[in-house]
Amino acid sequence: MHEFLNDPIAVTVDFNGPRVKPTSIFWNNRHYPIPHVNLVHSAREGQKRLFYFSVSDDTNFMKLRFDTENLTWHITEFYAE
C-alpha cells in the first residue's frame, strides 16, 4: 500500500550539531519509532526552505517534510506491505 499524504505529525528529533535526525513520529493515533533515516534533502518553495526525510522502521517507509518557516512537520508519503 502506497499513499500520498499531507498530514500533520508530531516528531521527536535528536540534534547532532546542525543536523536533525527524526527518531519517532506520532501519526493517526500511533507511535512509530524511526530507527533508519535513509535520505535527507532540501528544496525551496518560494522563499521557504523545506527539508525532506526518507525514513523507515522494520515494516514501513515514510517521507517526512519539515517546513523551516513555520516549524511544522507533515508526512507526505507512506508505504507499507
PDB file of N, CA and C in Angstrom:
ATOM      1  N   MET A   1       0.844  -1.168   0.000  1.00  0.00           N
ATOM      2  CA  MET A   1       0.000   0.000   0.000  1.00  0.00           C
ATOM      3  C   MET A   1       0.898   1.242   0.000  1.00  0.00           C
ATOM      4  N   HIS A   2       0.710   2.119  -0.970  1.00  0.00           N
ATOM      5  CA  HIS A   2       1.464   3.358  -1.073  1.00  0.00           C
ATOM      6  C   HIS A   2       0.478   4.514  -1.082  1.00  0.00           C
ATOM      7  N   GLU A   3       0.662   5.463  -0.165  1.00  0.00           N
ATOM      8  CA  GLU A   3      -0.238   6.607  -0.065  1.00  0.00           C
ATOM      9  C   GLU A   3       0.551   7.909  -0.163  1.00  0.00           C
ATOM     10  N   PHE A   4      -0.011   8.866  -0.893  1.00  0.00           N
ATOM     11  CA  PHE A   4       0.494  10.233  -0.881  1.00  0.00           C
ATOM     12  C   PHE A   4      -0.386  11.020   0.078  1.00  0.00           C
ATOM     13  N   LEU A   5       0.249  11.728   1.017  1.00  0.00           N
ATOM     14  CA  LEU A   5      -0.467  12.393   2.101  1.00  0.00           C
ATOM     15  C   LEU A   5       0.021  13.824   2.267  1.00  0.00           C
ATOM     16  N   ASN A   6      -0.622  14.520   3.156  1.00  0.00           N
ATOM     17  CA  ASN A   6      -0.147  15.823   3.628  1.00  0.00           C
ATOM     18  C   ASN A   6      -0.677  16.018   5.048  1.00  0.00           C
ATOM     19  N   ASP A   7      -0.458  15.009   5.890  1.00  0.00           N
ATOM     20  CA  ASP A   7      -0.986  15.016   7.248  1.00  0.00           C
ATOM     21  C   ASP A   7       0.014  15.612   8.233  1.00  0.00           C
ATOM     22  N   PRO A   8      -0.447  16.479   9.134  1.00  0.00           N
ATOM     23  CA  PRO A   8       0.452  16.972  10.183  1.00  0.00           C
ATOM     24  C   PRO A   8       0.810  15.832  11.137  1.00  0.00           C
ATOM     25  N   ILE A   9       2.040  15.852  11.626  1.00  0.00           N
ATOM     26  CA  ILE A   9       2.510  14.820  12.548  1.00  0.00           C
ATOM     27  C   ILE A   9       3.319  15.475  13.662  1.00  0.00           C
ATOM     28  N   ALA A  10       3.459  14.750  14.763  1.00  0.00           N
ATOM     29  CA  ALA A  10       4.370  15.143  15.838  1.00  0.00           C
ATOM     30  C   ALA A  10       5.637  14.320  15.671  1.00  0.00           C
ATOM     31  N   VAL A  11       6.796  14.978  15.771  1.00  0.00           N
ATOM     32  CA  VAL A  11       8.071  14.314  15.530  1.00  0.00           C
ATOM     33  C   VAL A  11       9.007  14.563  16.706  1.00  0.00           C
ATOM     34  N   THR A  12       9.681  13.504  17.144  1.00  0.00           N
ATOM     35  CA  THR A  12      10.751  13.614  18.129  1.00  0.00           C
ATOM     36  C   THR A  12      12.060  13.546  17.359  1.00  0.00           C
ATOM     37  N   VAL A  13      12.980  14.453  17.676  1.00  0.00           N
ATOM     38  CA  VAL A  13      14.242  14.503  16.936  1.00  0.00           C
ATOM     39  C   VAL A  13      15.433  14.515  17.887  1.00  0.00           C
ATOM     40  N   ASP A  14      16.581  14.115  17.354  1.00  0.00           N
ATOM     41  CA  ASP A  14      17.883  14.285  18.010  1.00  0.00           C
ATOM     42  C   ASP A  14      18.654  15.327  17.225  1.00  0.00           C
ATOM     43  N   PHE A  15      19.453  16.110  17.934  1.00  0.00           N
ATOM     44  CA  PHE A  15      20.307  17.101  17.296  1.00  0.00           C
ATOM     45  C   PHE A  15      21.759  16.672  17.440  1.00  0.00           C
ATOM     46  N   ASN A  16      22.485  16.720  16.327  1.00  0.00           N
ATOM     47  CA  ASN A  16      23.917  16.453  16.329  1.00  0.00           C
ATOM     48  C   ASN A  16      24.570  17.637  15.629  1.00  0.00           C
ATOM     49  N   GLY A  17      24.930  18.653  16.407  1.00  0.00           N
ATOM     50  CA  GLY A  17      25.408  19.896  15.819  1.00  0.00           C
ATOM     51  C   GLY A  17      24.265  20.530  15.037  1.00  0.00           C
ATOM     52  N   PRO A  18      24.498  20.881  13.770  1.00  0.00           N
ATOM     53  CA  PRO A  18      23.421  21.488  12.969  1.00  0.00           C
ATOM     54  C   PRO A  18      22.473  20.469  12.338  1.00  0.00           C
ATOM     55  N   ARG A  19      22.749  19.196  12.521  1.00  0.00           N
ATOM     56  CA  ARG A  19      21.936  18.153  11.891  1.00  0.00           C
ATOM     57  C   ARG A  19      20.780  17.712  12.778  1.00  0.00           C
ATOM     58  N   VAL A  20      19.652  17.459  12.128  1.00  0.00           N
ATOM     59  CA  VAL A  20      18.446  16.995  12.814  1.00  0.00           C
ATOM     60  C   VAL A  20      18.154  15.582  12.347  1.00  0.00           C
ATOM     61  N   LYS A  21      17.879  14.688  13.295  1.00  0.00           N
ATOM     62  CA  LYS A  21      17.565  13.299  12.952  1.00  0.00           C
ATOM     63  C   LYS A  21      16.241  12.912  13.612  1.00  0.00           C
ATOM     64  N   PRO A  22      15.189  12.656  12.809  1.00  0.00           N
ATOM     65  CA  PRO A  22      13.927  12.187  13.400  1.00  0.00           C
ATOM     66  C   PRO A  22      14.136  10.826  14.062  1.00  0.00           C
ATOM     67  N   THR A  23      13.606  10.678  15.271  1.00  0.00           N
ATOM     68  CA  THR A  23      13.742   9.403  15.982  1.00  0.00           C
ATOM     69  C   THR A  23      12.407   8.693  16.176  1.00  0.00           C
ATOM     70  N   SER A  24      11.298   9.441  16.096  1.00  0.00           N
ATOM     71  CA  SER A  24       9.977   8.819  16.166  1.00  0.00           C
ATOM     72  C   SER A  24       8.932   9.816  15.690  1.00  0.00           C
ATOM     73  N   ILE A  25       7.795   9.269  15.245  1.00  0.00           N
ATOM     74  CA  ILE A  25       6.676  10.128  14.868  1.00  0.00           C
ATOM     75  C   ILE A  25       5.409   9.619  15.529  1.00  0.00           C
ATOM     76  N   PHE A  26       4.459  10.518  15.709  1.00  0.00           N
ATOM     77  CA  PHE A  26       3.130  10.175  16.196  1.00  0.00           C
ATOM     78  C   PHE A  26       2.148  10.618  15.127  1.00  0.00           C
ATOM     79  N   TRP A  27       1.449   9.645  14.539  1.00  0.00           N
ATOM     80  CA  TRP A  27       0.542   9.909  13.422  1.00  0.00           C
ATOM     81  C   TRP A  27      -0.625   8.924  13.483  1.00  0.00           C
ATOM     82  N   ASN A  28      -1.831   9.409  13.237  1.00  0.00           N
ATOM     83  CA  ASN A  28      -3.038   8.556  13.249  1.00  0.00           C
ATOM     84  C   ASN A  28      -3.174   7.777  14.555  1.00  0.00           C
ATOM     85  N   ASN A  29      -2.902   8.435  15.665  1.00  0.00           N
ATOM     86  CA  ASN A  29      -3.002   7.825  16.996  1.00  0.00           C
ATOM     87  C   ASN A  29      -2.055   6.643  17.176  1.00  0.00           C
ATOM     88  N   ARG A  30      -0.963   6.623  16.417  1.00  0.00           N
ATOM     89  CA  ARG A  30       0.038   5.565  16.555  1.00  0.00           C
ATOM     90  C   ARG A  30       1.423   6.177  16.677  1.00  0.00           C
ATOM     91  N   HIS A  31       2.252   5.515  17.449  1.00  0.00           N
ATOM     92  CA  HIS A  31       3.641   5.919  17.625  1.00  0.00           C
ATOM     93  C   HIS A  31       4.510   5.020  16.740  1.00  0.00           C
ATOM     94  N   TYR A  32       5.370   5.637  15.935  1.00  0.00           N
ATOM     95  CA  TYR A  32       6.288   4.909  15.057  1.00  0.00           C
ATOM     96  C   TYR A  32       7.727   5.278  15.412  1.00  0.00           C
ATOM     97  N   PRO A  33       8.486   4.366  16.029  1.00  0.00           N
ATOM     98  CA  PRO A  33       9.915   4.624  16.209  1.00  0.00           C
ATOM     99  C   PRO A  33      10.588   4.652  14.834  1.00  0.00           C
ATOM    100  N   ILE A  34      11.566   5.521  14.663  1.00  0.00           N
ATOM    101  CA  ILE A  34      12.254   5.662  13.385  1.00  0.00           C
ATOM    102  C   ILE A  34      13.729   5.278  13.574  1.00  0.00           C
ATOM    103  N   PRO A  35      14.070   4.014  13.346  1.00  0.00           N
ATOM    104  CA  PRO A  35      15.472   3.620  13.507  1.00  0.00           C
ATOM    105  C   PRO A  35      16.360   3.972  12.311  1.00  0.00           C
ATOM    106  N   HIS A  36      15.758   4.240  11.136  1.00  0.00           N
ATOM    107  CA  HIS A  36      16.567   4.464   9.936  1.00  0.00           C
ATOM    108  C   HIS A  36      16.184   5.765   9.232  1.00  0.00           C
ATOM    109  N   VAL A  37      17.159   6.636   9.054  1.00  0.00           N
ATOM    110  CA  VAL A  37      16.995   7.806   8.190  1.00  0.00           C
ATOM    111  C   VAL A  37      17.785   7.474   6.927  1.00  0.00           C
ATOM    112  N   ASN A  38      17.064   7.246   5.835  1.00  0.00           N
ATOM    113  CA  ASN A  38      17.683   6.737   4.616  1.00  0.00           C
ATOM    114  C   ASN A  38      18.198   7.837   3.691  1.00  0.00           C
ATOM    115  N   LEU A  39      17.532   8.985   3.704  1.00  0.00           N
ATOM    116  CA  LEU A  39      17.917  10.063   2.801  1.00  0.00           C
ATOM    117  C   LEU A  39      17.377  11.380   3.345  1.00  0.00           C
ATOM    118  N   VAL A  40      18.143  12.449   3.195  1.00  0.00           N
ATOM    119  CA  VAL A  40      17.707  13.797   3.575  1.00  0.00           C
ATOM    120  C   VAL A  40      18.040  14.722   2.411  1.00  0.00           C
ATOM    121  N   HIS A  41      17.076  15.557   2.028  1.00  0.00           N
ATOM    122  CA  HIS A  41      17.355  16.583   1.024  1.00  0.00           C
ATOM    123  C   HIS A  41      16.482  17.799   1.300  1.00  0.00           C
ATOM    124  N   SER A  42      16.873  18.915   0.705  1.00  0.00           N
ATOM    125  CA  SER A  42      16.108  20.143   0.907  1.00  0.00           C
ATOM    126  C   SER A  42      15.615  20.664  -0.435  1.00  0.00           C
ATOM    127  N   ALA A  43      14.606  21.526  -0.361  1.00  0.00           N
ATOM    128  CA  ALA A  43      14.028  22.142  -1.546  1.00  0.00           C
ATOM    129  C   ALA A  43      13.523  23.521  -1.157  1.00  0.00           C
ATOM    130  N   ARG A  44      13.349  24.357  -2.141  1.00  0.00           N
ATOM    131  CA  ARG A  44      12.799  25.692  -1.914  1.00  0.00           C
ATOM    132  C   ARG A  44      11.416  25.767  -2.529  1.00  0.00           C
ATOM    133  N   GLU A  45      10.541  26.450  -1.809  1.00  0.00           N
ATOM    134  CA  GLU A  45       9.185  26.745  -2.277  1.00  0.00           C
ATOM    135  C   GLU A  45       9.037  28.251  -2.109  1.00  0.00           C
ATOM    136  N   GLY A  46       9.405  29.021  -3.132  1.00  0.00           N
ATOM    137  CA  GLY A  46       9.497  30.469  -2.983  1.00  0.00           C
ATOM    138  C   GLY A  46      10.661  30.788  -2.067  1.00  0.00           C
ATOM    139  N   GLN A  47      10.416  31.562  -1.024  1.00  0.00           N
ATOM    140  CA  GLN A  47      11.449  31.884  -0.037  1.00  0.00           C
ATOM    141  C   GLN A  47      11.572  30.804   1.042  1.00  0.00           C
ATOM    142  N   LYS A  48      10.596  29.927   1.096  1.00  0.00           N
ATOM    143  CA  LYS A  48      10.541  28.911   2.150  1.00  0.00           C
ATOM    144  C   LYS A  48      11.494  27.760   1.838  1.00  0.00           C
ATOM    145  N   ARG A  49      12.204  27.292   2.856  1.00  0.00           N
ATOM    146  CA  ARG A  49      13.073  26.125   2.708  1.00  0.00           C
ATOM    147  C   ARG A  49      12.424  24.935   3.404  1.00  0.00           C
ATOM    148  N   LEU A  50      12.345  23.834   2.677  1.00  0.00           N
ATOM    149  CA  LEU A  50      11.758  22.600   3.192  1.00  0.00           C
ATOM    150  C   LEU A  50      12.830  21.519   3.238  1.00  0.00           C
ATOM    151  N   PHE A  51      12.759  20.688   4.275  1.00  0.00           N
ATOM    152  CA  PHE A  51      13.641  19.529   4.364  1.00  0.00           C
ATOM    153  C   PHE A  51      12.789  18.271   4.286  1.00  0.00           C
ATOM    154  N   TYR A  52      13.240  17.312   3.489  1.00  0.00           N
ATOM    155  CA  TYR A  52      12.552  16.038   3.328  1.00  0.00           C
ATOM    156  C   TYR A  52      13.418  14.936   3.898  1.00  0.00           C
ATOM    157  N   PHE A  53      12.791  14.060   4.689  1.00  0.00           N
ATOM    158  CA  PHE A  53      13.466  12.934   5.316  1.00  0.00           C
ATOM    159  C   PHE A  53      12.780  11.651   4.862  1.00  0.00           C
ATOM    160  N   SER A  54      13.510  10.776   4.191  1.00  0.00           N
ATOM    161  CA  SER A  54      13.001   9.449   3.860  1.00  0.00           C
ATOM    162  C   SER A  54      13.451   8.529   4.985  1.00  0.00           C
ATOM    163  N   VAL A  55      12.481   7.981   5.709  1.00  0.00           N
ATOM    164  CA  VAL A  55      12.770   7.211   6.918  1.00  0.00           C
ATOM    165  C   VAL A  55      12.063   5.864   6.849  1.00  0.00           C
ATOM    166  N   SER A  56      12.491   4.947   7.721  1.00  0.00           N
ATOM    167  CA  SER A  56      11.842   3.639   7.760  1.00  0.00           C
ATOM    168  C   SER A  56      11.970   3.031   9.146  1.00  0.00           C
ATOM    169  N   ASP A  57      11.014   2.147   9.414  1.00  0.00           N
ATOM    170  CA  ASP A  57      11.134   1.281  10.584  1.00  0.00           C
ATOM    171  C   ASP A  57      11.274  -0.136  10.021  1.00  0.00           C
ATOM    172  N   ASP A  58      10.913  -1.148  10.767  1.00  0.00           N
ATOM    173  CA  ASP A  58      11.111  -2.519  10.288  1.00  0.00           C
ATOM    174  C   ASP A  58      10.130  -2.930   9.197  1.00  0.00           C
ATOM    175  N   THR A  59       8.995  -2.226   9.054  1.00  0.00           N
ATOM    176  CA  THR A  59       7.992  -2.632   8.062  1.00  0.00           C
ATOM    177  C   THR A  59       7.458  -1.503   7.195  1.00  0.00           C
ATOM    178  N   ASN A  60       7.712  -0.267   7.540  1.00  0.00           N
ATOM    179  CA  ASN A  60       7.127   0.876   6.829  1.00  0.00           C
ATOM    180  C   ASN A  60       8.202   1.832   6.331  1.00  0.00           C
ATOM    181  N   PHE A  61       7.895   2.482   5.219  1.00  0.00           N
ATOM    182  CA  PHE A  61       8.734   3.551   4.688  1.00  0.00           C
ATOM    183  C   PHE A  61       7.897   4.814   4.659  1.00  0.00           C
ATOM    184  N   MET A  62       8.495   5.941   5.072  1.00  0.00           N
ATOM    185  CA  MET A  62       7.763   7.198   5.155  1.00  0.00           C
ATOM    186  C   MET A  62       8.626   8.344   4.636  1.00  0.00           C
ATOM    187  N   LYS A  63       7.959   9.339   4.074  1.00  0.00           N
ATOM    188  CA  LYS A  63       8.644  10.565   3.685  1.00  0.00           C
ATOM    189  C   LYS A  63       8.054  11.690   4.530  1.00  0.00           C
ATOM    190  N   LEU A  64       8.929  12.380   5.258  1.00  0.00           N
ATOM    191  CA  LEU A  64       8.523  13.454   6.159  1.00  0.00           C
ATOM    192  C   LEU A  64       9.004  14.783   5.599  1.00  0.00           C
ATOM    193  N   ARG A  65       8.228  15.831   5.834  1.00  0.00           N
ATOM    194  CA  ARG A  65       8.610  17.172   5.389  1.00  0.00           C
ATOM    195  C   ARG A  65       8.640  18.112   6.594  1.00  0.00           C
ATOM    196  N   PHE A  66       9.746  18.826   6.725  1.00  0.00           N
ATOM    197  CA  PHE A  66       9.885  19.838   7.772  1.00  0.00           C
ATOM    198  C   PHE A  66       9.909  21.204   7.111  1.00  0.00           C
ATOM    199  N   ASP A  67       8.992  22.074   7.515  1.00  0.00           N
ATOM    200  CA  ASP A  67       8.877  23.429   6.986  1.00  0.00           C
ATOM    201  C   ASP A  67       9.609  24.370   7.943  1.00  0.00           C
ATOM    202  N   THR A  68      10.706  24.969   7.469  1.00  0.00           N
ATOM    203  CA  THR A  68      11.521  25.818   8.351  1.00  0.00           C
ATOM    204  C   THR A  68      10.882  27.169   8.629  1.00  0.00           C
ATOM    205  N   GLU A  69       9.915  27.559   7.815  1.00  0.00           N
ATOM    206  CA  GLU A  69       9.261  28.857   8.025  1.00  0.00           C
ATOM    207  C   GLU A  69       8.307  28.828   9.207  1.00  0.00           C
ATOM    208  N   ASN A  70       7.475  27.776   9.296  1.00  0.00           N
ATOM    209  CA  ASN A  70       6.515  27.715  10.405  1.00  0.00           C
ATOM    210  C   ASN A  70       6.794  26.555  11.361  1.00  0.00           C
ATOM    211  N   LEU A  71       7.923  25.884  11.173  1.00  0.00           N
ATOM    212  CA  LEU A  71       8.399  24.820  12.076  1.00  0.00           C
ATOM    213  C   LEU A  71       7.376  23.698  12.246  1.00  0.00           C
ATOM    214  N   THR A  72       6.796  23.253  11.144  1.00  0.00           N
ATOM    215  CA  THR A  72       5.820  22.166  11.190  1.00  0.00           C
ATOM    216  C   THR A  72       6.330  20.953  10.425  1.00  0.00           C
ATOM    217  N   TRP A  73       5.840  19.796  10.849  1.00  0.00           N
ATOM    218  CA  TRP A  73       6.164  18.527  10.206  1.00  0.00           C
ATOM    219  C   TRP A  73       4.897  17.947   9.575  1.00  0.00           C
ATOM    220  N   HIS A  74       5.076  17.319   8.408  1.00  0.00           N
ATOM    221  CA  HIS A  74       3.997  16.601   7.732  1.00  0.00           C
ATOM    222  C   HIS A  74       4.539  15.281   7.197  1.00  0.00           C
ATOM    223  N   ILE A  75       3.677  14.289   7.142  1.00  0.00           N
ATOM    224  CA  ILE A  75       4.018  13.055   6.445  1.00  0.00           C
ATOM    225  C   ILE A  75       3.451  13.201   5.038  1.00  0.00           C
ATOM    226  N   THR A  76       4.310  13.002   4.028  1.00  0.00           N
ATOM    227  CA  THR A  76       3.880  13.212   2.644  1.00  0.00           C
ATOM    228  C   THR A  76       3.726  11.904   1.876  1.00  0.00           C
ATOM    229  N   GLU A  77       4.394  10.844   2.329  1.00  0.00           N
ATOM    230  CA  GLU A  77       4.239   9.534   1.705  1.00  0.00           C
ATOM    231  C   GLU A  77       4.328   8.458   2.767  1.00  0.00           C
ATOM    232  N   PHE A  78       3.570   7.387   2.559  1.00  0.00           N
ATOM    233  CA  PHE A  78       3.609   6.243   3.469  1.00  0.00           C
ATOM    234  C   PHE A  78       3.497   4.985   2.632  1.00  0.00           C
ATOM    235  N   TYR A  79       4.411   4.052   2.866  1.00  0.00           N
ATOM    236  CA  TYR A  79       4.401   2.783   2.142  1.00  0.00           C
ATOM    237  C   TYR A  79       4.491   1.650   3.162  1.00  0.00           C
ATOM    238  N   ALA A  80       3.539   0.736   3.089  1.00  0.00           N
ATOM    239  CA  ALA A  80       3.543  -0.445   3.947  1.00  0.00           C
ATOM    240  C   ALA A  80       3.189  -1.654   3.096  1.00  0.00           C
ATOM    241  N   GLU A  81       3.710  -2.793   3.484  1.00  0.00           N
ATOM    242  CA  GLU A  81       3.418  -4.030   2.739  1.00  0.00           C
ATOM    243  C   GLU A  81       1.985  -4.458   2.925  1.00  0.00           C
TER     244      GLU A  81
END
